[in-house]
Amino acid sequence: MFFRKQGKLRKEYENKLLHSLEETKKDWISQQALEDLSIENSYEINYQSKIAEAKYFFFFREAKNRKVVIKR
C-alpha cells in the first residue's frame, strides 16, 4: 500500500525535475545567445549567463544522481 504511493510520488517529482531541467536549459541557451549578440561585454550579462549555466548543471547532476530516464 505504501510502496504504490512512493512510486507515484517518485514519478511526480521526476517529472517536475525534468520540467525544471528543460526550462533552465532554455534559459541558459537564451542567456548565451544574448551574450553572443551583445556589442559591449557587460558584467551583468556574464553573471546572468553563469548563473543560468550553474542552475542547469545542478539540475542535470541531480537527474543523473536519481538515474532519471527521459522517454521521448
N, C-alpha and C. Protein backbone atom coordinates (compact mmCIF):
# COMPACT_ATOMS: atom_id res chain seq x y z
N MET A 1 0.82 -1.18 0.00
CA MET A 1 0.00 0.00 0.00
C MET A 1 0.88 1.26 0.00
N PHE A 2 1.87 1.29 0.85
CA PHE A 2 2.71 2.47 0.94
C PHE A 2 3.67 2.57 -0.23
N PHE A 3 4.05 1.43 -0.79
CA PHE A 3 5.01 1.44 -1.89
C PHE A 3 4.41 1.99 -3.17
N ARG A 4 3.13 1.81 -3.37
CA ARG A 4 2.47 2.37 -4.55
C ARG A 4 2.51 3.90 -4.51
N LYS A 5 2.26 4.44 -3.34
CA LYS A 5 2.28 5.89 -3.20
C LYS A 5 3.69 6.43 -3.41
N GLN A 6 4.68 5.68 -2.91
CA GLN A 6 6.07 6.11 -3.07
C GLN A 6 6.45 6.14 -4.55
N GLY A 7 6.05 5.15 -5.32
CA GLY A 7 6.33 5.12 -6.75
C GLY A 7 5.65 6.26 -7.48
N LYS A 8 4.43 6.56 -7.07
CA LYS A 8 3.68 7.65 -7.69
C LYS A 8 4.34 9.00 -7.39
N LEU A 9 4.77 9.18 -6.15
CA LEU A 9 5.45 10.42 -5.78
C LEU A 9 6.78 10.55 -6.49
N ARG A 10 7.50 9.45 -6.64
CA ARG A 10 8.79 9.48 -7.34
C ARG A 10 8.60 9.93 -8.78
N LYS A 11 7.59 9.39 -9.46
CA LYS A 11 7.32 9.78 -10.84
C LYS A 11 6.94 11.26 -10.93
N GLU A 12 6.14 11.71 -9.97
CA GLU A 12 5.71 13.11 -9.96
C GLU A 12 6.91 14.03 -9.81
N TYR A 13 7.80 13.72 -8.88
CA TYR A 13 8.97 14.58 -8.67
C TYR A 13 9.99 14.45 -9.79
N GLU A 14 10.07 13.29 -10.41
CA GLU A 14 10.93 13.15 -11.58
C GLU A 14 10.43 14.02 -12.73
N ASN A 15 9.12 14.06 -12.91
CA ASN A 15 8.54 14.92 -13.95
C ASN A 15 8.80 16.39 -13.66
N LYS A 16 8.69 16.79 -12.39
CA LYS A 16 8.98 18.17 -12.03
C LYS A 16 10.46 18.49 -12.27
N LEU A 17 11.33 17.55 -11.95
CA LEU A 17 12.76 17.74 -12.16
C LEU A 17 13.08 17.88 -13.65
N LEU A 18 12.47 17.03 -14.48
CA LEU A 18 12.69 17.12 -15.92
C LEU A 18 12.16 18.43 -16.49
N HIS A 19 11.03 18.87 -15.99
CA HIS A 19 10.47 20.15 -16.44
C HIS A 19 11.40 21.30 -16.07
N SER A 20 11.90 21.28 -14.84
CA SER A 20 12.84 22.32 -14.40
C SER A 20 14.12 22.27 -15.21
N LEU A 21 14.57 21.07 -15.53
CA LEU A 21 15.78 20.89 -16.33
C LEU A 21 15.60 21.50 -17.72
N GLU A 22 14.47 21.25 -18.34
CA GLU A 22 14.19 21.81 -19.67
C GLU A 22 14.09 23.33 -19.63
N GLU A 23 13.42 23.86 -18.62
CA GLU A 23 13.26 25.31 -18.51
C GLU A 23 14.60 26.01 -18.28
N THR A 24 15.44 25.44 -17.43
CA THR A 24 16.73 26.06 -17.18
C THR A 24 17.65 25.94 -18.39
N LYS A 25 17.50 24.87 -19.16
CA LYS A 25 18.30 24.74 -20.38
C LYS A 25 17.90 25.82 -21.38
N LYS A 26 16.60 26.06 -21.54
CA LYS A 26 16.14 27.12 -22.44
C LYS A 26 16.64 28.48 -21.97
N ASP A 27 16.60 28.71 -20.66
CA ASP A 27 17.08 29.98 -20.11
C ASP A 27 18.58 30.13 -20.35
N TRP A 28 19.33 29.08 -20.14
CA TRP A 28 20.78 29.12 -20.35
C TRP A 28 21.12 29.40 -21.81
N ILE A 29 20.42 28.75 -22.72
CA ILE A 29 20.67 28.97 -24.15
C ILE A 29 20.32 30.40 -24.55
N SER A 30 19.23 30.93 -24.00
CA SER A 30 18.86 32.31 -24.33
C SER A 30 19.87 33.30 -23.75
N GLN A 31 20.39 33.01 -22.57
CA GLN A 31 21.41 33.88 -21.98
C GLN A 31 22.70 33.85 -22.80
N GLN A 32 23.07 32.67 -23.30
CA GLN A 32 24.26 32.56 -24.15
C GLN A 32 24.07 33.34 -25.44
N ALA A 33 22.87 33.25 -26.02
CA ALA A 33 22.59 33.98 -27.26
C ALA A 33 22.64 35.49 -27.02
N LEU A 34 22.11 35.93 -25.90
CA LEU A 34 22.14 37.34 -25.55
C LEU A 34 23.58 37.81 -25.36
N GLU A 35 24.39 36.98 -24.73
CA GLU A 35 25.79 37.31 -24.52
C GLU A 35 26.55 37.39 -25.84
N ASP A 36 26.24 36.49 -26.76
CA ASP A 36 26.89 36.49 -28.07
C ASP A 36 26.47 37.69 -28.91
N LEU A 37 25.22 38.12 -28.78
CA LEU A 37 24.71 39.21 -29.60
C LEU A 37 25.04 40.60 -29.05
N SER A 38 25.45 40.65 -27.79
CA SER A 38 25.72 41.96 -27.20
C SER A 38 27.01 42.54 -27.76
N ILE A 39 26.98 43.84 -27.97
CA ILE A 39 28.13 44.55 -28.52
C ILE A 39 29.17 44.79 -27.42
N GLU A 40 28.70 45.30 -26.30
CA GLU A 40 29.58 45.55 -25.17
C GLU A 40 29.68 44.29 -24.31
N ASN A 41 30.81 44.12 -23.67
CA ASN A 41 30.99 42.99 -22.76
C ASN A 41 30.53 43.43 -21.37
N SER A 42 29.27 43.19 -21.07
CA SER A 42 28.68 43.61 -19.81
C SER A 42 28.87 42.53 -18.75
N TYR A 43 29.27 42.96 -17.56
CA TYR A 43 29.45 42.01 -16.46
C TYR A 43 28.12 41.42 -16.03
N GLU A 44 27.07 42.21 -16.08
CA GLU A 44 25.74 41.73 -15.68
C GLU A 44 25.27 40.58 -16.57
N ILE A 45 25.49 40.72 -17.86
CA ILE A 45 25.10 39.65 -18.80
C ILE A 45 25.93 38.41 -18.54
N ASN A 46 27.21 38.59 -18.28
CA ASN A 46 28.07 37.44 -17.98
C ASN A 46 27.63 36.73 -16.70
N TYR A 47 27.28 37.51 -15.67
CA TYR A 47 26.82 36.92 -14.42
C TYR A 47 25.53 36.14 -14.62
N GLN A 48 24.60 36.71 -15.36
CA GLN A 48 23.33 36.02 -15.60
C GLN A 48 23.55 34.72 -16.37
N SER A 49 24.47 34.75 -17.31
CA SER A 49 24.79 33.56 -18.09
C SER A 49 25.41 32.48 -17.20
N LYS A 50 26.31 32.86 -16.34
CA LYS A 50 26.96 31.90 -15.43
C LYS A 50 25.96 31.33 -14.43
N ILE A 51 25.05 32.15 -13.95
CA ILE A 51 24.02 31.67 -13.02
C ILE A 51 23.11 30.67 -13.71
N ALA A 52 22.69 30.98 -14.93
CA ALA A 52 21.83 30.06 -15.69
C ALA A 52 22.56 28.75 -15.96
N GLU A 53 23.84 28.82 -16.27
CA GLU A 53 24.63 27.61 -16.52
C GLU A 53 24.74 26.77 -15.25
N ALA A 54 24.98 27.41 -14.11
CA ALA A 54 25.09 26.69 -12.84
C ALA A 54 23.78 26.01 -12.46
N LYS A 55 22.66 26.69 -12.70
CA LYS A 55 21.35 26.10 -12.41
C LYS A 55 21.11 24.88 -13.28
N TYR A 56 21.43 25.00 -14.56
CA TYR A 56 21.23 23.88 -15.49
C TYR A 56 22.05 22.67 -15.06
N PHE A 57 23.32 22.88 -14.76
CA PHE A 57 24.16 21.74 -14.40
C PHE A 57 23.80 21.18 -13.03
N PHE A 58 23.23 22.00 -12.14
CA PHE A 58 22.73 21.47 -10.88
C PHE A 58 21.60 20.48 -11.13
N PHE A 59 20.62 20.90 -11.95
CA PHE A 59 19.51 20.01 -12.25
C PHE A 59 19.97 18.79 -13.04
N PHE A 60 20.95 18.96 -13.91
CA PHE A 60 21.48 17.85 -14.70
C PHE A 60 22.13 16.81 -13.79
N ARG A 61 22.96 17.27 -12.84
CA ARG A 61 23.60 16.34 -11.91
C ARG A 61 22.57 15.65 -11.02
N GLU A 62 21.55 16.39 -10.61
CA GLU A 62 20.51 15.80 -9.77
C GLU A 62 19.76 14.71 -10.54
N ALA A 63 19.45 14.96 -11.79
CA ALA A 63 18.77 13.95 -12.61
C ALA A 63 19.68 12.74 -12.81
N LYS A 64 20.95 12.98 -12.99
CA LYS A 64 21.90 11.87 -13.16
C LYS A 64 22.02 11.06 -11.88
N ASN A 65 22.06 11.72 -10.73
CA ASN A 65 22.14 11.01 -9.45
C ASN A 65 20.90 10.18 -9.19
N ARG A 66 19.75 10.68 -9.60
CA ARG A 66 18.49 9.95 -9.40
C ARG A 66 18.25 8.91 -10.49
N LYS A 67 19.12 8.90 -11.49
CA LYS A 67 19.03 7.96 -12.63
C LYS A 67 17.68 8.10 -13.35
N VAL A 68 17.33 9.34 -13.63
CA VAL A 68 16.10 9.66 -14.34
C VAL A 68 16.32 9.43 -15.83
N VAL A 69 15.39 8.75 -16.46
CA VAL A 69 15.48 8.47 -17.89
C VAL A 69 14.44 9.31 -18.62
N ILE A 70 14.89 10.01 -19.66
CA ILE A 70 13.98 10.82 -20.46
C ILE A 70 13.41 9.92 -21.55
N LYS A 71 12.10 9.78 -21.57
CA LYS A 71 11.43 8.96 -22.57
C LYS A 71 10.84 9.87 -23.62
N ARG A 72 11.27 9.69 -24.86
CA ARG A 72 10.76 10.52 -25.94
C ARG A 72 10.16 9.67 -27.01
